[in-house]
């Protein structure tokens, strides 16, 4: 942060020094008009900077949210494949594994999703449930020549996919745009709103209407940037639809569908 402030201070110093040098050598003319070249140039550049920061602040969370949504469906699909593979185990092991898979999916949907939305992290209990299921699957006994070993390995492979998708979901829950980008978008938006006033303009009557509309639109845009900055909350929030759907998939598989 100090580097950014130092860079800004250096840029302001360059402007002040250049202005004084030009005044001393007698070059240029005084510019105090509200529609003069100074205000026009500054306004155009600040507007361009705001639009650039605003566009990046929208695109980055949008892309992150799309990736997070796709990952939840990948995790749910891996759970479904694990449920299918568990059917090849001995009946007792199959029933236990499938029950724990259904319990895990329900836990993610009911308990872990609010935690990601409000605190941007996953539950330690969720990790413990998944680790317990993997340890129990590893401990499943098998005999030489029996296909139970292949079934166990298939379940373990799919559980690895679930674990990888869960790790990605943990990263998605923590992801957010760079703080500096949000600060620049907010600051430049505020400056664009008050720039005509800082330049000496005193809007009256009907001229207040377009200025007010611009300020309202910019305020909504800035709020939108903050609202969508997290994948699991706000207007673009990823919902646990994938885990809701996989519960129905479990029932279909259990019924032989």
C-alpha atoms as a PDB file:
ATOM      1  CA  UNK A   1       0.000   0.000   0.000  1.00  0.00           C
ATOM      2  CA  UNK A   2       2.854   2.382   0.810  1.00  0.00           C
ATOM      3  CA  UNK A   3       4.299   1.808  -2.667  1.00  0.00           C
ATOM      4  CA  UNK A   4       0.990   2.876  -4.259  1.00  0.00           C
ATOM      5  CA  UNK A   5       0.850   6.014  -2.118  1.00  0.00           C
ATOM      6  CA  UNK A   6       4.458   6.835  -2.963  1.00  0.00           C
ATOM      7  CA  UNK A   7       3.762   6.415  -6.686  1.00  0.00           C
ATOM      8  CA  UNK A   8       0.731   8.715  -6.426  1.00  0.00           C
ATOM      9  CA  UNK A   9       2.747  11.319  -4.516  1.00  0.00           C
ATOM     10  CA  UNK A  10       5.488  11.200  -7.164  1.00  0.00           C
ATOM     11  CA  UNK A  11       2.945  11.736  -9.938  1.00  0.00           C
ATOM     12  CA  UNK A  12       1.467  14.772  -8.141  1.00  0.00           C
ATOM     13  CA  UNK A  13       4.974  16.136  -7.608  1.00  0.00           C
ATOM     14  CA  UNK A  14       5.698  15.811 -11.333  1.00  0.00           C
ATOM     15  CA  UNK A  15       2.574  17.835 -12.150  1.00  0.00           C
ATOM     16  CA  UNK A  16       3.481  20.587  -9.662  1.00  0.00           C
ATOM     17  CA  UNK A  17       7.096  20.798 -10.842  1.00  0.00           C
ATOM     18  CA  UNK A  18       6.123  20.833 -14.528  1.00  0.00           C
ATOM     19  CA  UNK A  19       3.549  23.567 -13.891  1.00  0.00           C
ATOM     20  CA  UNK A  20       6.076  25.785 -12.098  1.00  0.00           C
ATOM     21  CA  UNK A  21       8.755  25.245 -14.731  1.00  0.00           C
ATOM     22  CA  UNK A  22       6.394  26.205 -17.544  1.00  0.00           C
ATOM     23  CA  UNK A  23       5.339  29.308 -15.617  1.00  0.00           C
ATOM     24  CA  UNK A  24       8.965  30.357 -15.118  1.00  0.00           C
ATOM     25  CA  UNK A  25       9.939  29.968 -18.749  1.00  0.00           C
ATOM     26  CA  UNK A  26       6.814  31.790 -19.839  1.00  0.00           C
ATOM     27  CA  UNK A  27       5.278  28.940 -21.776  1.00  0.00           C
ATOM     28  CA  UNK A  28       1.555  28.204 -21.842  1.00  0.00           C
ATOM     29  CA  UNK A  29      -1.396  30.224 -20.593  1.00  0.00           C
ATOM     30  CA  UNK A  30      -3.352  30.279 -17.362  1.00  0.00           C
ATOM     31  CA  UNK A  31      -6.311  27.902 -17.391  1.00  0.00           C
ATOM     32  CA  UNK A  32      -9.059  28.489 -14.846  1.00  0.00           C
ATOM     33  CA  UNK A  33     -12.087  27.777 -17.059  1.00  0.00           C
ATOM     34  CA  UNK A  34     -14.476  25.017 -16.053  1.00  0.00           C
ATOM     35  CA  UNK A  35     -14.426  23.719 -19.637  1.00  0.00           C
ATOM     36  CA  UNK A  36     -10.747  24.391 -20.228  1.00  0.00           C
ATOM     37  CA  UNK A  37      -8.131  21.898 -21.445  1.00  0.00           C
ATOM     38  CA  UNK A  38      -7.021  20.987 -17.912  1.00  0.00           C
ATOM     39  CA  UNK A  39     -10.468  19.971 -16.720  1.00  0.00           C
ATOM     40  CA  UNK A  40     -11.238  18.329 -20.064  1.00  0.00           C
ATOM     41  CA  UNK A  41      -8.056  16.249 -20.046  1.00  0.00           C
ATOM     42  CA  UNK A  42      -8.368  15.274 -16.373  1.00  0.00           C
ATOM     43  CA  UNK A  43     -12.026  14.377 -16.764  1.00  0.00           C
ATOM     44  CA  UNK A  44     -11.401  12.180 -19.794  1.00  0.00           C
ATOM     45  CA  UNK A  45      -8.496  10.351 -18.175  1.00  0.00           C
ATOM     46  CA  UNK A  46     -10.309   9.818 -14.867  1.00  0.00           C
ATOM     47  CA  UNK A  47     -13.367   8.523 -16.704  1.00  0.00           C
ATOM     48  CA  UNK A  48     -11.176   6.126 -18.690  1.00  0.00           C
ATOM     49  CA  UNK A  49      -9.424   4.953 -15.517  1.00  0.00           C
ATOM     50  CA  UNK A  50     -12.751   4.394 -13.777  1.00  0.00           C
ATOM     51  CA  UNK A  51     -14.145   2.436 -16.709  1.00  0.00           C
ATOM     52  CA  UNK A  52     -11.017   0.264 -16.853  1.00  0.00           C
ATOM     53  CA  UNK A  53     -11.060  -0.472 -13.107  1.00  0.00           C
ATOM     54  CA  UNK A  54     -14.827  -1.016 -13.154  1.00  0.00           C
ATOM     55  CA  UNK A  55     -14.622  -3.449 -16.076  1.00  0.00           C
ATOM     56  CA  UNK A  56     -11.860  -5.488 -14.430  1.00  0.00           C
ATOM     57  CA  UNK A  57     -13.684  -5.458 -11.085  1.00  0.00           C
ATOM     58  CA  UNK A  58     -16.758  -6.907 -12.835  1.00  0.00           C
ATOM     59  CA  UNK A  59     -15.036  -9.433 -15.094  1.00  0.00           C
ATOM     60  CA  UNK A  60     -12.754 -10.967 -12.445  1.00  0.00           C
ATOM     61  CA  UNK A  61     -15.523 -11.898  -9.940  1.00  0.00           C
ATOM     62  CA  UNK A  62     -17.815 -12.998 -12.779  1.00  0.00           C
ATOM     63  CA  UNK A  63     -15.145 -15.376 -14.078  1.00  0.00           C
ATOM     64  CA  UNK A  64     -14.350 -16.635 -10.579  1.00  0.00           C
ATOM     65  CA  UNK A  65     -18.020 -17.265  -9.867  1.00  0.00           C
ATOM     66  CA  UNK A  66     -18.515 -19.205 -13.102  1.00  0.00           C
ATOM     67  CA  UNK A  67     -15.494 -21.366 -12.274  1.00  0.00           C
ATOM     68  CA  UNK A  68     -16.748 -21.915  -8.722  1.00  0.00           C
ATOM     69  CA  UNK A  69     -20.188 -22.937  -9.986  1.00  0.00           C
ATOM     70  CA  UNK A  70     -18.654 -25.416 -12.444  1.00  0.00           C
ATOM     71  CA  UNK A  71     -16.496 -26.843  -9.675  1.00  0.00           C
ATOM     72  CA  UNK A  72     -19.497 -27.514  -7.435  1.00  0.00           C
ATOM     73  CA  UNK A  73     -21.050 -29.584 -10.205  1.00  0.00           C
ATOM     74  CA  UNK A  74     -17.739 -31.423 -10.665  1.00  0.00           C
ATOM     75  CA  UNK A  75     -17.686 -32.242  -6.958  1.00  0.00           C
ATOM     76  CA  UNK A  76     -21.312 -33.392  -7.020  1.00  0.00           C
ATOM     77  CA  UNK A  77     -20.615 -35.551 -10.091  1.00  0.00           C
ATOM     78  CA  UNK A  78     -17.644 -37.131  -8.325  1.00  0.00           C
ATOM     79  CA  UNK A  79     -19.922 -37.929  -5.377  1.00  0.00           C
ATOM     80  CA  UNK A  80     -22.400 -39.543  -7.745  1.00  0.00           C
ATOM     81  CA  UNK A  81     -19.670 -41.666  -9.342  1.00  0.00           C
ATOM     82  CA  UNK A  82     -18.458 -42.680  -5.888  1.00  0.00           C
ATOM     83  CA  UNK A  83     -22.006 -43.703  -4.975  1.00  0.00           C
ATOM     84  CA  UNK A  84     -22.176 -45.845  -8.109  1.00  0.00           C
ATOM     85  CA  UNK A  85     -18.799 -47.473  -7.400  1.00  0.00           C
ATOM     86  CA  UNK A  86     -19.738 -48.203  -3.786  1.00  0.00           C
ATOM     87  CA  UNK A  87     -22.480 -50.517  -5.029  1.00  0.00           C
ATOM     88  CA  UNK A  88     -19.807 -53.059  -5.991  1.00  0.00           C
ATOM     89  CA  UNK A  89     -18.632 -53.450  -2.386  1.00  0.00           C
ATOM     90  CA  UNK A  90     -19.996 -56.046  -0.002  1.00  0.00           C
ATOM     91  CA  UNK A  91     -23.582 -55.177   0.978  1.00  0.00           C
ATOM     92  CA  UNK A  92     -22.690 -53.962   4.470  1.00  0.00           C
ATOM     93  CA  UNK A  93     -19.778 -51.821   3.255  1.00  0.00           C
ATOM     94  CA  UNK A  94     -21.830 -50.550   0.320  1.00  0.00           C
ATOM     95  CA  UNK A  95     -24.696 -49.466   2.578  1.00  0.00           C
ATOM     96  CA  UNK A  96     -22.348 -47.719   5.015  1.00  0.00           C
ATOM     97  CA  UNK A  97     -20.400 -45.934   2.284  1.00  0.00           C
ATOM     98  CA  UNK A  98     -23.514 -44.771   0.476  1.00  0.00           C
ATOM     99  CA  UNK A  99     -25.081 -43.527   3.718  1.00  0.00           C
ATOM    100  CA  UNK A 100     -21.951 -41.517   4.537  1.00  0.00           C
ATOM    101  CA  UNK A 101     -21.843 -40.056   1.027  1.00  0.00           C
ATOM    102  CA  UNK A 102     -25.456 -38.922   1.319  1.00  0.00           C
ATOM    103  CA  UNK A 103     -24.733 -37.505   4.773  1.00  0.00           C
ATOM    104  CA  UNK A 104     -21.712 -35.606   3.426  1.00  0.00           C
ATOM    105  CA  UNK A 105     -23.700 -34.088   0.554  1.00  0.00           C
ATOM    106  CA  UNK A 106     -26.446 -33.014   2.964  1.00  0.00           C
ATOM    107  CA  UNK A 107     -23.885 -31.529   5.350  1.00  0.00           C
ATOM    108  CA  UNK A 108     -22.329 -29.449   2.569  1.00  0.00           C
ATOM    109  CA  UNK A 109     -25.744 -28.205   1.451  1.00  0.00           C
ATOM    110  CA  UNK A 110     -27.183 -27.372   4.884  1.00  0.00           C
ATOM    111  CA  UNK A 111     -24.201 -26.467   7.070  1.00  0.00           C
ATOM    112  CA  UNK A 112     -21.167 -25.667   4.967  1.00  0.00           C
ATOM    113  CA  UNK A 113     -22.816 -23.394   2.415  1.00  0.00           C
ATOM    114  CA  UNK A 114     -23.867 -20.743   4.982  1.00  0.00           C
ATOM    115  CA  UNK A 115     -20.332 -20.915   6.386  1.00  0.00           C
ATOM    116  CA  UNK A 116     -18.829 -20.196   2.961  1.00  0.00           C
ATOM    117  CA  UNK A 117     -21.321 -17.398   2.378  1.00  0.00           C
ATOM    118  CA  UNK A 118     -20.794 -15.652   5.718  1.00  0.00           C
ATOM    119  CA  UNK A 119     -17.209 -16.515   6.683  1.00  0.00           C
ATOM    120  CA  UNK A 120     -15.564 -17.494   3.367  1.00  0.00           C
ATOM    121  CA  UNK A 121     -14.223 -20.816   4.581  1.00  0.00           C
ATOM    122  CA  UNK A 122     -15.086 -24.509   4.687  1.00  0.00           C
ATOM    123  CA  UNK A 123     -15.917 -26.494   7.795  1.00  0.00           C
ATOM    124  CA  UNK A 124     -13.294 -28.640   9.509  1.00  0.00           C
ATOM    125  CA  UNK A 125     -16.073 -31.156  10.138  1.00  0.00           C
ATOM    126  CA  UNK A 126     -16.513 -31.559   6.382  1.00  0.00           C
ATOM    127  CA  UNK A 127     -12.850 -32.451   5.968  1.00  0.00           C
ATOM    128  CA  UNK A 128     -13.114 -34.901   8.880  1.00  0.00           C
ATOM    129  CA  UNK A 129     -16.136 -36.616   7.315  1.00  0.00           C
ATOM    130  CA  UNK A 130     -14.363 -37.067   4.002  1.00  0.00           C
ATOM    131  CA  UNK A 131     -11.144 -38.303   5.631  1.00  0.00           C
ATOM    132  CA  UNK A 132     -13.117 -40.783   7.745  1.00  0.00           C
ATOM    133  CA  UNK A 133     -14.810 -42.159   4.644  1.00  0.00           C
ATOM    134  CA  UNK A 134     -11.466 -42.618   2.898  1.00  0.00           C
ATOM    135  CA  UNK A 135      -9.923 -44.391   5.899  1.00  0.00           C
ATOM    136  CA  UNK A 136     -12.908 -46.721   6.185  1.00  0.00           C
ATOM    137  CA  UNK A 137     -12.725 -47.513   2.466  1.00  0.00           C
ATOM    138  CA  UNK A 138      -9.015 -48.281   2.694  1.00  0.00           C
ATOM    139  CA  UNK A 139      -9.772 -50.662   5.578  1.00  0.00           C
ATOM    140  CA  UNK A 140     -12.322 -52.661   3.556  1.00  0.00           C
ATOM    141  CA  UNK A 141     -11.012 -56.264   3.448  1.00  0.00           C
ATOM    142  CA  UNK A 142     -10.684 -58.190   0.213  1.00  0.00           C
ATOM    143  CA  UNK A 143      -9.595 -61.624  -0.934  1.00  0.00           C
ATOM    144  CA  UNK A 144      -7.276 -62.654  -3.751  1.00  0.00           C
ATOM    145  CA  UNK A 145      -9.187 -63.086  -6.969  1.00  0.00           C
ATOM    146  CA  UNK A 146     -12.148 -61.175  -5.585  1.00  0.00           C
ATOM    147  CA  UNK A 147     -13.350 -58.072  -7.429  1.00  0.00           C
ATOM    148  CA  UNK A 148     -13.836 -56.295  -4.090  1.00  0.00           C
ATOM    149  CA  UNK A 149     -10.293 -54.924  -4.408  1.00  0.00           C
ATOM    150  CA  UNK A 150     -11.149 -53.329  -7.738  1.00  0.00           C
ATOM    151  CA  UNK A 151     -14.347 -51.955  -6.247  1.00  0.00           C
ATOM    152  CA  UNK A 152     -12.494 -50.490  -3.290  1.00  0.00           C
ATOM    153  CA  UNK A 153      -9.882 -48.904  -5.546  1.00  0.00           C
ATOM    154  CA  UNK A 154     -12.617 -47.417  -7.732  1.00  0.00           C
ATOM    155  CA  UNK A 155     -14.268 -45.855  -4.682  1.00  0.00           C
ATOM    156  CA  UNK A 156     -10.926 -44.472  -3.518  1.00  0.00           C
ATOM    157  CA  UNK A 157     -10.216 -42.994  -6.956  1.00  0.00           C
ATOM    158  CA  UNK A 158     -13.555 -41.183  -6.993  1.00  0.00           C
ATOM    159  CA  UNK A 159     -13.036 -40.006  -3.419  1.00  0.00           C
ATOM    160  CA  UNK A 160      -9.762 -38.489  -4.592  1.00  0.00           C
ATOM    161  CA  UNK A 161     -11.735 -36.554  -7.198  1.00  0.00           C
ATOM    162  CA  UNK A 162     -14.160 -35.390  -4.505  1.00  0.00           C
ATOM    163  CA  UNK A 163     -11.270 -34.258  -2.314  1.00  0.00           C
ATOM    164  CA  UNK A 164      -9.630 -32.361  -5.194  1.00  0.00           C
ATOM    165  CA  UNK A 165     -12.893 -30.587  -6.017  1.00  0.00           C
ATOM    166  CA  UNK A 166     -13.372 -29.769  -2.344  1.00  0.00           C
ATOM    167  CA  UNK A 167      -9.901 -28.204  -2.169  1.00  0.00           C
ATOM    168  CA  UNK A 168     -10.800 -26.087  -5.189  1.00  0.00           C
ATOM    169  CA  UNK A 169     -14.059 -25.055  -3.509  1.00  0.00           C
ATOM    170  CA  UNK A 170     -12.065 -23.957  -0.460  1.00  0.00           C
ATOM    171  CA  UNK A 171      -9.939 -21.752  -2.717  1.00  0.00           C
ATOM    172  CA  UNK A 172     -13.044 -20.362  -4.434  1.00  0.00           C
ATOM    173  CA  UNK A 173     -14.524 -19.476  -1.037  1.00  0.00           C
ATOM    174  CA  UNK A 174     -11.453 -17.376  -0.204  1.00  0.00           C
ATOM    175  CA  UNK A 175     -11.051 -15.774  -3.634  1.00  0.00           C
ATOM    176  CA  UNK A 176     -11.770 -12.070  -4.092  1.00  0.00           C
ATOM    177  CA  UNK A 177     -10.581  -9.276  -6.385  1.00  0.00           C
ATOM    178  CA  UNK A 178      -7.418  -7.425  -5.334  1.00  0.00           C
ATOM    179  CA  UNK A 179      -8.201  -4.858  -2.658  1.00  0.00           C
ATOM    180  CA  UNK A 180      -6.307  -2.186  -4.563  1.00  0.00           C
ATOM    181  CA  UNK A 181      -8.522  -2.705  -7.614  1.00  0.00           C
ATOM    182  CA  UNK A 182     -11.688  -2.205  -5.549  1.00  0.00           C
ATOM    183  CA  UNK A 183     -10.200   0.901  -3.926  1.00  0.00           C
ATOM    184  CA  UNK A 184      -9.299   2.399  -7.313  1.00  0.00           C
ATOM    185  CA  UNK A 185     -12.769   1.662  -8.706  1.00  0.00           C
ATOM    186  CA  UNK A 186     -14.438   3.314  -5.715  1.00  0.00           C
ATOM    187  CA  UNK A 187     -12.127   6.340  -5.579  1.00  0.00           C
ATOM    188  CA  UNK A 188     -12.237   7.054  -9.298  1.00  0.00           C
ATOM    189  CA  UNK A 189     -16.014   6.638  -9.283  1.00  0.00           C
ATOM    190  CA  UNK A 190     -16.346   9.185  -6.476  1.00  0.00           C
ATOM    191  CA  UNK A 191     -13.930  11.572  -8.190  1.00  0.00           C
ATOM    192  CA  UNK A 192     -15.837  11.351 -11.476  1.00  0.00           C
ATOM    193  CA  UNK A 193     -19.024  12.282  -9.593  1.00  0.00           C
ATOM    194  CA  UNK A 194     -17.565  15.431  -7.981  1.00  0.00           C
ATOM    195  CA  UNK A 195     -15.077  16.383 -10.725  1.00  0.00           C
ATOM    196  CA  UNK A 196     -17.289  19.084 -12.298  1.00  0.00           C
ATOM    197  CA  UNK A 197     -17.676  20.684  -8.868  1.00  0.00           C
ATOM    198  CA  UNK A 198     -13.934  20.495  -8.197  1.00  0.00           C
ATOM    199  CA  UNK A 199     -13.333  22.141 -11.586  1.00  0.00           C
ATOM    200  CA  UNK A 200     -15.365  25.166 -10.547  1.00  0.00           C
ATOM    201  CA  UNK A 201     -18.724  24.344 -12.109  1.00  0.00           C
ATOM    202  CA  UNK A 202     -21.827  25.316 -10.164  1.00  0.00           C
ATOM    203  CA  UNK A 203     -24.716  23.378 -11.737  1.00  0.00           C
ATOM    204  CA  UNK A 204     -28.147  24.926 -11.380  1.00  0.00           C
ATOM    205  CA  UNK A 205     -31.670  23.946 -12.372  1.00  0.00           C
ATOM    206  CA  UNK A 206     -32.005  21.331 -15.088  1.00  0.00           C
ATOM    207  CA  UNK A 207     -28.236  20.692 -15.205  1.00  0.00           C
ATOM    208  CA  UNK A 208     -28.566  18.980 -11.831  1.00  0.00           C
ATOM    209  CA  UNK A 209     -30.690  16.210 -13.387  1.00  0.00           C
ATOM    210  CA  UNK A 210     -28.013  14.596 -15.624  1.00  0.00           C
ATOM    211  CA  UNK A 211     -25.413  15.073 -12.898  1.00  0.00           C
ATOM    212  CA  UNK A 212     -27.700  13.390 -10.368  1.00  0.00           C
ATOM    213  CA  UNK A 213     -28.483  10.532 -12.756  1.00  0.00           C
ATOM    214  CA  UNK A 214     -24.782   9.987 -13.410  1.00  0.00           C
ATOM    215  CA  UNK A 215     -24.066   9.960  -9.666  1.00  0.00           C
ATOM    216  CA  UNK A 216     -26.880   7.461  -9.050  1.00  0.00           C
ATOM    217  CA  UNK A 217     -25.676   5.168 -11.845  1.00  0.00           C
ATOM    218  CA  UNK A 218     -22.101   5.273 -10.607  1.00  0.00           C
ATOM    219  CA  UNK A 219     -23.228   4.555  -7.048  1.00  0.00           C
ATOM    220  CA  UNK A 220     -25.183   1.511  -8.227  1.00  0.00           C
ATOM    221  CA  UNK A 221     -22.177   0.343 -10.253  1.00  0.00           C
ATOM    222  CA  UNK A 222     -19.820   0.692  -7.290  1.00  0.00           C
ATOM    223  CA  UNK A 223     -22.253  -1.199  -5.058  1.00  0.00           C
ATOM    224  CA  UNK A 224     -22.475  -3.931  -7.695  1.00  0.00           C
ATOM    225  CA  UNK A 225     -18.682  -4.268  -7.722  1.00  0.00           C
ATOM    226  CA  UNK A 226     -18.676  -4.825  -3.955  1.00  0.00           C
ATOM    227  CA  UNK A 227     -21.745  -7.065  -4.012  1.00  0.00           C
ATOM    228  CA  UNK A 228     -20.367  -9.592  -6.499  1.00  0.00           C
ATOM    229  CA  UNK A 229     -16.807  -9.690  -5.147  1.00  0.00           C
ATOM    230  CA  UNK A 230     -17.381 -13.086  -3.475  1.00  0.00           C
ATOM    231  CA  UNK A 231     -18.444 -16.243  -5.290  1.00  0.00           C
ATOM    232  CA  UNK A 232     -20.807 -17.541  -2.602  1.00  0.00           C
ATOM    233  CA  UNK A 233     -22.631 -14.340  -1.637  1.00  0.00           C
ATOM    234  CA  UNK A 234     -24.218 -11.396  -3.378  1.00  0.00           C
ATOM    235  CA  UNK A 235     -26.127 -11.093  -6.625  1.00  0.00           C
ATOM    236  CA  UNK A 236     -24.072 -13.732  -8.471  1.00  0.00           C
ATOM    237  CA  UNK A 237     -23.764 -16.127  -5.548  1.00  0.00           C
ATOM    238  CA  UNK A 238     -23.227 -19.811  -6.280  1.00  0.00           C
ATOM    239  CA  UNK A 239     -26.009 -21.829  -4.637  1.00  0.00           C
ATOM    240  CA  UNK A 240     -25.870 -25.502  -3.579  1.00  0.00           C
ATOM    241  CA  UNK A 241     -28.015 -26.598  -6.518  1.00  0.00           C
ATOM    242  CA  UNK A 242     -25.484 -29.266  -7.511  1.00  0.00           C
ATOM    243  CA  UNK A 243     -25.652 -30.906  -4.076  1.00  0.00           C
ATOM    244  CA  UNK A 244     -29.434 -30.683  -4.029  1.00  0.00           C
ATOM    245  CA  UNK A 245     -29.559 -32.439  -7.379  1.00  0.00           C
ATOM    246  CA  UNK A 246     -27.103 -35.149  -6.322  1.00  0.00           C
ATOM    247  CA  UNK A 247     -29.410 -36.147  -3.457  1.00  0.00           C
ATOM    248  CA  UNK A 248     -32.018 -37.081  -6.045  1.00  0.00           C
ATOM    249  CA  UNK A 249     -29.328 -38.873  -8.030  1.00  0.00           C
ATOM    250  CA  UNK A 250     -28.472 -40.944  -4.963  1.00  0.00           C
ATOM    251  CA  UNK A 251     -32.104 -42.013  -4.582  1.00  0.00           C
ATOM    252  CA  UNK A 252     -32.310 -42.994  -8.232  1.00  0.00           C
ATOM    253  CA  UNK A 253     -29.122 -45.058  -8.045  1.00  0.00           C
ATOM    254  CA  UNK A 254     -30.220 -46.775  -4.807  1.00  0.00           C
ATOM    255  CA  UNK A 255     -33.468 -47.786  -6.477  1.00  0.00           C
ATOM    256  CA  UNK A 256     -31.563 -49.346  -9.369  1.00  0.00           C
ATOM    257  CA  UNK A 257     -32.189 -46.498 -11.800  1.00  0.00           C
END
